Amino acid sequence: MMTPEEIASVCHEANRALCTAFGDFSHKSWDNAPQWQRESQILGVEFCLANPKSPPSANHDSWLEHKTKEGWTYGPVKDVENKKHPCMVPFDDLPPDQRAKDHVFRSIVAAMSNLC
């Protein structure tokens, strides 16, 4: 079985590709991503591994809770310095492209960890 970090790197690159497809070119490759972003991906993988039957919305809820504890709040544009993020909303309020990322993330974790 792959480690959570190995799975997280694949999830990160898939997320980066989706963001690029949706017009967001701000994501760096896994090797060049800031540590906080890498840790966030690893936490997401660990959540999926611990909760394999949970829906994609639960991933977002876990991410939202973690970000809130770190001081992030809603902002219409992602602003790392001021900890603002447009996805700091309930899952059902996310645009379809953002909800799709949670589905893809869970699918990758399941496939790479033999949970499916």
Protein backbone atom coordinates (compact mmCIF):
# COMPACT_ATOMS: atom_id res chain seq x y z
CA MET A 1 0.00 0.00 0.00
CA MET A 2 1.18 3.49 -0.78
CA THR A 3 1.81 6.01 1.99
CA PRO A 4 -0.62 8.89 2.56
CA GLU A 5 2.06 11.28 1.30
CA GLU A 6 2.49 9.34 -1.95
CA ILE A 7 -1.27 9.31 -2.51
CA ALA A 8 -1.47 13.00 -1.58
CA SER A 9 1.09 13.88 -4.25
CA VAL A 10 -1.07 12.23 -6.92
CA CYS A 11 -4.21 13.93 -5.56
CA HIS A 12 -2.39 17.25 -5.58
CA GLU A 13 -1.30 16.89 -9.20
CA ALA A 14 -4.82 15.85 -10.25
CA ASN A 15 -6.24 18.83 -8.39
CA ARG A 16 -3.67 21.09 -10.05
CA ALA A 17 -4.67 19.75 -13.47
CA LEU A 18 -8.35 20.32 -12.74
CA CYS A 19 -7.66 23.85 -11.52
CA THR A 20 -5.69 24.56 -14.68
CA ALA A 21 -8.57 23.21 -16.78
CA PHE A 22 -10.90 25.57 -14.91
CA GLY A 23 -8.60 28.55 -15.53
CA ASP A 24 -6.75 28.66 -12.19
CA PHE A 25 -3.02 28.56 -12.91
CA SER A 26 -1.90 29.39 -9.36
CA HIS A 27 -1.08 25.88 -8.15
CA LYS A 28 2.53 24.75 -8.08
CA SER A 29 3.67 21.18 -8.60
CA TRP A 30 3.82 18.91 -5.54
CA ASP A 31 7.59 19.30 -5.29
CA ASN A 32 7.29 23.10 -5.34
CA ALA A 33 4.08 23.45 -3.30
CA PRO A 34 4.33 25.18 0.07
CA GLN A 35 4.48 22.86 3.07
CA TRP A 36 1.06 23.96 4.38
CA GLN A 37 -0.53 22.93 1.09
CA ARG A 38 1.19 19.56 1.10
CA GLU A 39 0.10 18.97 4.69
CA SER A 40 -3.48 19.85 3.75
CA GLN A 41 -3.45 17.23 0.99
CA ILE A 42 -2.01 14.60 3.35
CA LEU A 43 -4.71 15.38 5.92
CA GLY A 44 -7.33 14.95 3.19
CA VAL A 45 -5.92 11.55 2.26
CA GLU A 46 -5.80 10.48 5.90
CA PHE A 47 -9.44 11.55 6.29
CA CYS A 48 -10.46 9.46 3.27
CA LEU A 49 -8.54 6.45 4.53
CA ALA A 50 -10.15 6.72 7.97
CA ASN A 51 -13.63 7.35 6.51
CA PRO A 52 -13.83 5.31 3.30
CA LYS A 53 -17.65 5.28 3.18
CA SER A 54 -18.13 9.01 3.73
CA PRO A 55 -19.43 11.17 0.87
CA PRO A 56 -17.26 13.77 -0.91
CA SER A 57 -19.03 16.48 1.07
CA ALA A 58 -17.43 15.06 4.23
CA ASN A 59 -13.99 15.71 2.73
CA HIS A 60 -14.91 19.31 2.19
CA ASP A 61 -16.36 19.58 5.71
CA SER A 62 -13.11 18.21 7.16
CA TRP A 63 -11.04 20.63 5.04
CA LEU A 64 -13.30 23.52 6.04
CA GLU A 65 -12.98 22.68 9.74
CA HIS A 66 -9.18 22.46 9.47
CA LYS A 67 -8.91 25.74 7.58
CA THR A 68 -11.22 27.49 10.03
CA LYS A 69 -9.02 26.35 12.94
CA GLU A 70 -6.02 27.78 11.08
CA GLY A 71 -7.76 31.17 10.84
CA TRP A 72 -8.97 31.06 7.23
CA THR A 73 -12.21 32.81 6.31
CA TYR A 74 -14.26 33.34 3.19
CA GLY A 75 -12.95 35.69 0.54
CA PRO A 76 -14.06 35.97 -3.10
CA VAL A 77 -10.44 35.41 -4.21
CA LYS A 78 -7.86 33.08 -2.67
CA ASP A 79 -5.42 35.19 -0.66
CA VAL A 80 -2.86 33.08 1.19
CA GLU A 81 -1.30 35.98 3.10
CA ASN A 82 -4.66 37.07 4.55
CA LYS A 83 -6.04 33.52 4.79
CA LYS A 84 -9.02 34.15 2.53
CA HIS A 85 -10.50 31.43 0.32
CA PRO A 86 -13.60 31.31 -1.92
CA CYS A 87 -14.26 27.67 -0.92
CA MET A 88 -14.85 28.53 2.73
CA VAL A 89 -18.55 27.78 2.29
CA PRO A 90 -20.73 24.68 2.80
CA PHE A 91 -20.22 21.94 0.19
CA ASP A 92 -23.64 22.52 -1.39
CA ASP A 93 -22.74 26.19 -1.95
CA LEU A 94 -19.57 25.35 -3.90
CA PRO A 95 -19.64 25.76 -7.68
CA PRO A 96 -19.85 22.43 -9.56
CA ASP A 97 -16.18 22.51 -10.57
CA GLN A 98 -15.12 22.78 -6.93
CA ARG A 99 -17.44 19.96 -5.86
CA ALA A 100 -16.00 17.82 -8.66
CA LYS A 101 -12.53 18.15 -7.14
CA ASP A 102 -13.73 16.41 -3.96
CA HIS A 103 -15.18 13.55 -6.00
CA VAL A 104 -11.92 13.13 -7.93
CA PHE A 105 -9.86 13.33 -4.74
CA ARG A 106 -11.87 10.55 -3.05
CA SER A 107 -11.72 8.38 -6.18
CA ILE A 108 -7.94 8.66 -6.38
CA VAL A 109 -7.51 7.79 -2.70
CA ALA A 110 -9.83 4.80 -3.07
CA ALA A 111 -8.08 3.53 -6.18
CA MET A 112 -4.58 3.97 -4.82
CA SER A 113 -5.35 2.43 -1.43
CA ASN A 114 -7.46 -0.46 -2.73
CA LEU A 115 -10.55 0.83 -0.92
CA CYS A 116 -12.82 0.53 -3.94
